[in-house]
PDB file of all heavy atoms in Angstrom:
ATOM      1  N   MET A   1     -74.627 224.854 -24.674  1.00  0.00           N
ATOM      2  CA  MET A   1     -75.463 226.017 -24.965  1.00  0.00           C
ATOM      3  C   MET A   1     -74.855 227.245 -24.280  1.00  0.00           C
ATOM      4  O   MET A   1     -75.230 227.597 -23.159  1.00  0.00           O
ATOM      5  CB  MET A   1     -76.897 225.772 -24.477  1.00  0.00           C
ATOM      6  CG  MET A   1     -77.598 224.630 -25.189  1.00  0.00           C
ATOM      7  SD  MET A   1     -79.274 224.303 -24.588  1.00  0.00           S
ATOM      8  CE  MET A   1     -78.919 223.599 -22.973  1.00  0.00           C
ATOM      9  N   PRO A   2     -73.884 227.877 -24.924  1.00  0.00           N
ATOM     10  CA  PRO A   2     -73.134 228.960 -24.266  1.00  0.00           C
ATOM     11  C   PRO A   2     -73.946 230.213 -23.980  1.00  0.00           C
ATOM     12  O   PRO A   2     -73.495 231.056 -23.199  1.00  0.00           O
ATOM     13  CB  PRO A   2     -71.996 229.248 -25.259  1.00  0.00           C
ATOM     14  CG  PRO A   2     -72.437 228.681 -26.554  1.00  0.00           C
ATOM     15  CD  PRO A   2     -73.341 227.548 -26.243  1.00  0.00           C
ATOM     16  N   ARG A   3     -75.098 230.376 -24.601  1.00  0.00           N
ATOM     17  CA  ARG A   3     -75.957 231.535 -24.305  1.00  0.00           C
ATOM     18  C   ARG A   3     -76.615 231.307 -22.939  1.00  0.00           C
ATOM     19  O   ARG A   3     -77.673 230.705 -22.832  1.00  0.00           O
ATOM     20  CB  ARG A   3     -77.018 231.722 -25.383  1.00  0.00           C
ATOM     21  CG  ARG A   3     -76.496 232.273 -26.691  1.00  0.00           C
ATOM     22  CD  ARG A   3     -77.612 232.499 -27.691  1.00  0.00           C
ATOM     23  NE  ARG A   3     -78.641 233.364 -27.148  1.00  0.00           N
ATOM     24  CZ  ARG A   3     -79.939 233.046 -27.137  1.00  0.00           C
ATOM     25  NH1 ARG A   3     -80.348 231.864 -27.572  1.00  0.00           N
ATOM     26  NH2 ARG A   3     -80.825 233.896 -26.660  1.00  0.00           N
ATOM     27  N   ARG A   4     -75.982 231.804 -21.907  1.00  0.00           N
ATOM     28  CA  ARG A   4     -76.425 231.510 -20.550  1.00  0.00           C
ATOM     29  C   ARG A   4     -77.806 232.093 -20.250  1.00  0.00           C
ATOM     30  O   ARG A   4     -78.603 231.474 -19.550  1.00  0.00           O
ATOM     31  CB  ARG A   4     -75.395 232.022 -19.543  1.00  0.00           C
ATOM     32  CG  ARG A   4     -74.040 231.323 -19.683  1.00  0.00           C
ATOM     33  CD  ARG A   4     -73.099 231.663 -18.562  1.00  0.00           C
ATOM     34  NE  ARG A   4     -71.882 230.870 -18.646  1.00  0.00           N
ATOM     35  CZ  ARG A   4     -71.064 230.631 -17.632  1.00  0.00           C
ATOM     36  NH1 ARG A   4     -71.316 231.153 -16.438  1.00  0.00           N
ATOM     37  NH2 ARG A   4     -69.988 229.892 -17.788  1.00  0.00           N
ATOM     38  N   THR A   5     -78.060 233.286 -20.760  1.00  0.00           N
ATOM     39  CA  THR A   5     -79.391 233.865 -20.538  1.00  0.00           C
ATOM     40  C   THR A   5     -80.461 233.035 -21.246  1.00  0.00           C
ATOM     41  O   THR A   5     -81.591 232.931 -20.771  1.00  0.00           O
ATOM     42  CB  THR A   5     -79.439 235.311 -21.038  1.00  0.00           C
ATOM     43  OG1 THR A   5     -78.994 235.371 -22.407  1.00  0.00           O
ATOM     44  CG2 THR A   5     -78.570 236.212 -20.187  1.00  0.00           C
ATOM     45  N   GLY A   6     -80.088 232.438 -22.378  1.00  0.00           N
ATOM     46  CA  GLY A   6     -81.032 231.568 -23.079  1.00  0.00           C
ATOM     47  C   GLY A   6     -81.338 230.316 -22.282  1.00  0.00           C
ATOM     48  O   GLY A   6     -82.469 229.840 -22.257  1.00  0.00           O
ATOM     49  N   VAL A   7     -80.317 229.776 -21.613  1.00  0.00           N
ATOM     50  CA  VAL A   7     -80.517 228.608 -20.752  1.00  0.00           C
ATOM     51  C   VAL A   7     -81.475 228.937 -19.614  1.00  0.00           C
ATOM     52  O   VAL A   7     -82.421 228.191 -19.339  1.00  0.00           O
ATOM     53  CB  VAL A   7     -79.171 228.109 -20.186  1.00  0.00           C
ATOM     54  CG1 VAL A   7     -79.396 227.014 -19.142  1.00  0.00           C
ATOM     55  CG2 VAL A   7     -78.284 227.586 -21.308  1.00  0.00           C
ATOM     56  N   LEU A   8     -81.242 230.068 -18.952  1.00  0.00           N
ATOM     57  CA  LEU A   8     -82.113 230.460 -17.839  1.00  0.00           C
ATOM     58  C   LEU A   8     -83.526 230.757 -18.327  1.00  0.00           C
ATOM     59  O   LEU A   8     -84.508 230.376 -17.674  1.00  0.00           O
ATOM     60  CB  LEU A   8     -81.528 231.683 -17.124  1.00  0.00           C
ATOM     61  CG  LEU A   8     -82.316 232.188 -15.910  1.00  0.00           C
ATOM     62  CD1 LEU A   8     -82.453 231.092 -14.859  1.00  0.00           C
ATOM     63  CD2 LEU A   8     -81.646 233.421 -15.307  1.00  0.00           C
ATOM     64  N   ALA A   9     -83.631 231.417 -19.479  1.00  0.00           N
ATOM     65  CA  ALA A   9     -84.956 231.725 -20.026  1.00  0.00           C
ATOM     66  C   ALA A   9     -85.717 230.438 -20.345  1.00  0.00           C
ATOM     67  O   ALA A   9     -86.922 230.328 -20.078  1.00  0.00           O
ATOM     68  CB  ALA A   9     -84.822 232.586 -21.276  1.00  0.00           C
ATOM     69  N   ALA A  10     -85.023 229.457 -20.922  1.00  0.00           N
ATOM     70  CA  ALA A  10     -85.671 228.187 -21.249  1.00  0.00           C
ATOM     71  C   ALA A  10     -86.115 227.467 -19.985  1.00  0.00           C
ATOM     72  O   ALA A  10     -87.224 226.908 -19.931  1.00  0.00           O
ATOM     73  CB  ALA A  10     -84.714 227.307 -22.051  1.00  0.00           C
ATOM     74  N   LYS A  11     -85.270 227.473 -18.965  1.00  0.00           N
ATOM     75  CA  LYS A  11     -85.651 226.857 -17.690  1.00  0.00           C
ATOM     76  C   LYS A  11     -86.895 227.551 -17.124  1.00  0.00           C
ATOM     77  O   LYS A  11     -87.815 226.889 -16.618  1.00  0.00           O
ATOM     78  CB  LYS A  11     -84.501 226.952 -16.689  1.00  0.00           C
ATOM     79  CG  LYS A  11     -83.336 226.005 -16.952  1.00  0.00           C
ATOM     80  CD  LYS A  11     -82.272 226.133 -15.870  1.00  0.00           C
ATOM     81  CE  LYS A  11     -81.090 225.208 -16.119  1.00  0.00           C
ATOM     82  NZ  LYS A  11     -81.447 223.782 -16.020  1.00  0.00           N
ATOM     83  N   ALA A  12     -86.922 228.877 -17.198  1.00  0.00           N
ATOM     84  CA  ALA A  12     -88.050 229.636 -16.660  1.00  0.00           C
ATOM     85  C   ALA A  12     -89.341 229.325 -17.408  1.00  0.00           C
ATOM     86  O   ALA A  12     -90.404 229.151 -16.800  1.00  0.00           O
ATOM     87  CB  ALA A  12     -87.741 231.132 -16.722  1.00  0.00           C
ATOM     88  N   ILE A  13     -89.250 229.228 -18.742  1.00  0.00           N
ATOM     89  CA  ILE A  13     -90.448 228.958 -19.540  1.00  0.00           C
ATOM     90  C   ILE A  13     -91.003 227.560 -19.252  1.00  0.00           C
ATOM     91  O   ILE A  13     -92.209 227.377 -19.059  1.00  0.00           O
ATOM     92  CB  ILE A  13     -90.133 229.119 -21.039  1.00  0.00           C
ATOM     93  CG1 ILE A  13     -89.847 230.592 -21.364  1.00  0.00           C
ATOM     94  CG2 ILE A  13     -91.291 228.603 -21.897  1.00  0.00           C
ATOM     95  CD1 ILE A  13     -89.301 230.817 -22.760  1.00  0.00           C
ATOM     96  N   VAL A  14     -90.116 226.568 -19.237  1.00  0.00           N
ATOM     97  CA  VAL A  14     -90.561 225.187 -18.978  1.00  0.00           C
ATOM     98  C   VAL A  14     -91.123 225.064 -17.572  1.00  0.00           C
ATOM     99  O   VAL A  14     -92.183 224.458 -17.354  1.00  0.00           O
ATOM    100  CB  VAL A  14     -89.391 224.205 -19.187  1.00  0.00           C
ATOM    101  CG1 VAL A  14     -89.780 222.805 -18.728  1.00  0.00           C
ATOM    102  CG2 VAL A  14     -88.975 224.186 -20.652  1.00  0.00           C
ATOM    103  N   LEU A  15     -90.429 225.645 -16.599  1.00  0.00           N
ATOM    104  CA  LEU A  15     -90.900 225.598 -15.211  1.00  0.00           C
ATOM    105  C   LEU A  15     -92.236 226.302 -15.062  1.00  0.00           C
ATOM    106  O   LEU A  15     -93.148 225.795 -14.392  1.00  0.00           O
ATOM    107  CB  LEU A  15     -89.857 226.238 -14.298  1.00  0.00           C
ATOM    108  CG  LEU A  15     -90.226 226.354 -12.819  1.00  0.00           C
ATOM    109  CD1 LEU A  15     -90.375 224.974 -12.188  1.00  0.00           C
ATOM    110  CD2 LEU A  15     -89.174 227.181 -12.071  1.00  0.00           C
ATOM    111  N   ALA A  16     -92.378 227.467 -15.680  1.00  0.00           N
ATOM    112  CA  ALA A  16     -93.641 228.206 -15.596  1.00  0.00           C
ATOM    113  C   ALA A  16     -94.783 227.416 -16.215  1.00  0.00           C
ATOM    114  O   ALA A  16     -95.897 227.394 -15.687  1.00  0.00           O
ATOM    115  CB  ALA A  16     -93.484 229.562 -16.287  1.00  0.00           C
ATOM    116  N   GLY A  17     -94.502 226.753 -17.343  1.00  0.00           N
ATOM    117  CA  GLY A  17     -95.547 225.951 -17.983  1.00  0.00           C
ATOM    118  C   GLY A  17     -96.014 224.803 -17.109  1.00  0.00           C
ATOM    119  O   GLY A  17     -97.219 224.567 -16.959  1.00  0.00           O
ATOM    120  N   LEU A  18     -95.058 224.077 -16.524  1.00  0.00           N
ATOM    121  CA  LEU A  18     -95.416 222.961 -15.646  1.00  0.00           C
ATOM    122  C   LEU A  18     -96.188 223.447 -14.416  1.00  0.00           C
ATOM    123  O   LEU A  18     -97.183 222.843 -14.010  1.00  0.00           O
ATOM    124  CB  LEU A  18     -94.162 222.213 -15.203  1.00  0.00           C
ATOM    125  CG  LEU A  18     -93.604 221.151 -16.145  1.00  0.00           C
ATOM    126  CD1 LEU A  18     -92.347 220.541 -15.559  1.00  0.00           C
ATOM    127  CD2 LEU A  18     -94.637 220.070 -16.428  1.00  0.00           C
ATOM    128  N   THR A  19     -95.721 224.547 -13.831  1.00  0.00           N
ATOM    129  CA  THR A  19     -96.394 225.081 -12.645  1.00  0.00           C
ATOM    130  C   THR A  19     -97.785 225.585 -12.993  1.00  0.00           C
ATOM    131  O   THR A  19     -98.728 225.440 -12.200  1.00  0.00           O
ATOM    132  CB  THR A  19     -95.566 226.222 -12.029  1.00  0.00           C
ATOM    133  OG1 THR A  19     -94.226 225.775 -11.813  1.00  0.00           O
ATOM    134  CG2 THR A  19     -96.156 226.665 -10.704  1.00  0.00           C
ATOM    135  N   LEU A  20     -97.915 226.184 -14.171  1.00  0.00           N
ATOM    136  CA  LEU A  20     -99.225 226.670 -14.613  1.00  0.00           C
ATOM    137  C   LEU A  20    -100.222 225.526 -14.714  1.00  0.00           C
ATOM    138  O   LEU A  20    -101.370 225.641 -14.257  1.00  0.00           O
ATOM    139  CB  LEU A  20     -99.082 227.376 -15.961  1.00  0.00           C
ATOM    140  CG  LEU A  20    -100.368 227.976 -16.551  1.00  0.00           C
ATOM    141  CD1 LEU A  20    -100.890 229.109 -15.677  1.00  0.00           C
ATOM    142  CD2 LEU A  20    -100.103 228.483 -17.973  1.00  0.00           C
ATOM    143  N   VAL A  21     -99.787 224.414 -15.295  1.00  0.00           N
ATOM    144  CA  VAL A  21    -100.680 223.261 -15.443  1.00  0.00           C
ATOM    145  C   VAL A  21    -101.024 222.663 -14.075  1.00  0.00           C
ATOM    146  O   VAL A  21    -102.199 222.457 -13.754  1.00  0.00           O
ATOM    147  CB  VAL A  21    -100.039 222.190 -16.345  1.00  0.00           C
ATOM    148  CG1 VAL A  21    -100.882 220.912 -16.343  1.00  0.00           C
ATOM    149  CG2 VAL A  21     -99.885 222.725 -17.768  1.00  0.00           C
ATOM    150  N   ALA A  22     -99.998 222.385 -13.273  1.00  0.00           N
ATOM    151  CA  ALA A  22    -100.238 221.796 -11.953  1.00  0.00           C
ATOM    152  C   ALA A  22    -101.040 222.733 -11.068  1.00  0.00           C
ATOM    153  O   ALA A  22    -101.955 222.305 -10.346  1.00  0.00           O
ATOM    154  CB  ALA A  22     -98.905 221.454 -11.282  1.00  0.00           C
ATOM    155  N   GLY A  23    -100.712 224.027 -11.119  1.00  0.00           N
ATOM    156  CA  GLY A  23    -101.437 224.996 -10.305  1.00  0.00           C
ATOM    157  C   GLY A  23    -102.891 225.128 -10.713  1.00  0.00           C
ATOM    158  O   GLY A  23    -103.778 225.260  -9.864  1.00  0.00           O
ATOM    159  N   SER A  24    -103.152 225.089 -12.006  1.00  0.00           N
ATOM    160  CA  SER A  24    -104.529 225.190 -12.489  1.00  0.00           C
ATOM    161  C   SER A  24    -105.365 224.000 -12.024  1.00  0.00           C
ATOM    162  O   SER A  24    -106.498 224.149 -11.566  1.00  0.00           O
ATOM    163  CB  SER A  24    -104.545 225.271 -14.023  1.00  0.00           C
ATOM    164  OG  SER A  24    -103.882 226.424 -14.474  1.00  0.00           O
ATOM    165  N   VAL A  25    -104.779 222.807 -12.147  1.00  0.00           N
ATOM    166  CA  VAL A  25    -105.477 221.602 -11.689  1.00  0.00           C
ATOM    167  C   VAL A  25    -105.713 221.670 -10.183  1.00  0.00           C
ATOM    168  O   VAL A  25    -106.815 221.368  -9.694  1.00  0.00           O
ATOM    169  CB  VAL A  25    -104.675 220.338 -12.044  1.00  0.00           C
ATOM    170  CG1 VAL A  25    -105.308 219.091 -11.421  1.00  0.00           C
ATOM    171  CG2 VAL A  25    -104.580 220.182 -13.553  1.00  0.00           C
ATOM    172  N   ALA A  26    -104.693 222.087  -9.439  1.00  0.00           N
ATOM    173  CA  ALA A  26    -104.794 222.137  -7.982  1.00  0.00           C
ATOM    174  C   ALA A  26    -105.851 223.139  -7.527  1.00  0.00           C
ATOM    175  O   ALA A  26    -106.686 222.839  -6.666  1.00  0.00           O
ATOM    176  CB  ALA A  26    -103.431 222.502  -7.384  1.00  0.00           C
ATOM    177  N   VAL A  27    -105.826 224.332  -8.098  1.00  0.00           N
ATOM    178  CA  VAL A  27    -106.766 225.387  -7.687  1.00  0.00           C
ATOM    179  C   VAL A  27    -108.191 225.027  -8.085  1.00  0.00           C
ATOM    180  O   VAL A  27    -109.129 225.203  -7.293  1.00  0.00           O
ATOM    181  CB  VAL A  27    -106.336 226.734  -8.298  1.00  0.00           C
ATOM    182  CG1 VAL A  27    -107.449 227.772  -8.147  1.00  0.00           C
ATOM    183  CG2 VAL A  27    -105.062 227.231  -7.634  1.00  0.00           C
ATOM    184  N   LEU A  28    -108.371 224.529  -9.309  1.00  0.00           N
ATOM    185  CA  LEU A  28    -109.716 224.155  -9.747  1.00  0.00           C
ATOM    186  C   LEU A  28    -110.272 223.026  -8.891  1.00  0.00           C
ATOM    187  O   LEU A  28    -111.423 223.070  -8.443  1.00  0.00           O
ATOM    188  CB  LEU A  28    -109.690 223.738 -11.220  1.00  0.00           C
ATOM    189  CG  LEU A  28    -111.038 223.293 -11.811  1.00  0.00           C
ATOM    190  CD1 LEU A  28    -112.057 224.413 -11.710  1.00  0.00           C
ATOM    191  CD2 LEU A  28    -110.862 222.841 -13.260  1.00  0.00           C
ATOM    192  N   ALA A  29    -109.452 222.007  -8.643  1.00  0.00           N
ATOM    193  CA  ALA A  29    -109.902 220.888  -7.816  1.00  0.00           C
ATOM    194  C   ALA A  29    -110.226 221.343  -6.407  1.00  0.00           C
ATOM    195  O   ALA A  29    -111.236 220.930  -5.823  1.00  0.00           O
ATOM    196  CB  ALA A  29    -108.822 219.800  -7.789  1.00  0.00           C
ATOM    197  N   SER A  30    -109.396 222.212  -5.849  1.00  0.00           N
ATOM    198  CA  SER A  30    -109.635 222.702  -4.494  1.00  0.00           C
ATOM    199  C   SER A  30    -110.928 223.495  -4.426  1.00  0.00           C
ATOM    200  O   SER A  30    -111.725 223.341  -3.490  1.00  0.00           O
ATOM    201  CB  SER A  30    -108.460 223.566  -4.036  1.00  0.00           C
ATOM    202  OG  SER A  30    -108.613 223.965  -2.695  1.00  0.00           O
ATOM    203  N   ALA A  31    -111.151 224.359  -5.428  1.00  0.00           N
ATOM    204  CA  ALA A  31    -112.377 225.162  -5.443  1.00  0.00           C
ATOM    205  C   ALA A  31    -113.617 224.287  -5.540  1.00  0.00           C
ATOM    206  O   ALA A  31    -114.631 224.539  -4.861  1.00  0.00           O
ATOM    207  CB  ALA A  31    -112.329 226.154  -6.608  1.00  0.00           C
ATOM    208  N   LEU A  32    -113.560 223.246  -6.359  1.00  0.00           N
ATOM    209  CA  LEU A  32    -114.722 222.370  -6.547  1.00  0.00           C
ATOM    210  C   LEU A  32    -114.964 221.484  -5.321  1.00  0.00           C
ATOM    211  O   LEU A  32    -116.109 221.276  -4.913  1.00  0.00           O
ATOM    212  CB  LEU A  32    -114.517 221.502  -7.789  1.00  0.00           C
ATOM    213  CG  LEU A  32    -114.493 222.245  -9.130  1.00  0.00           C
ATOM    214  CD1 LEU A  32    -114.199 221.275 -10.268  1.00  0.00           C
ATOM    215  CD2 LEU A  32    -115.816 222.978  -9.371  1.00  0.00           C
TER     216      LEU A  32
END
């Protein structure tokens, strides 16, 4: 995948999605 910015963008999107899910579960559980 020679489009290097595309590689970094894809990594950022996938990482953000995983963190969003884990963070949402963590924060909601902590609040409750």
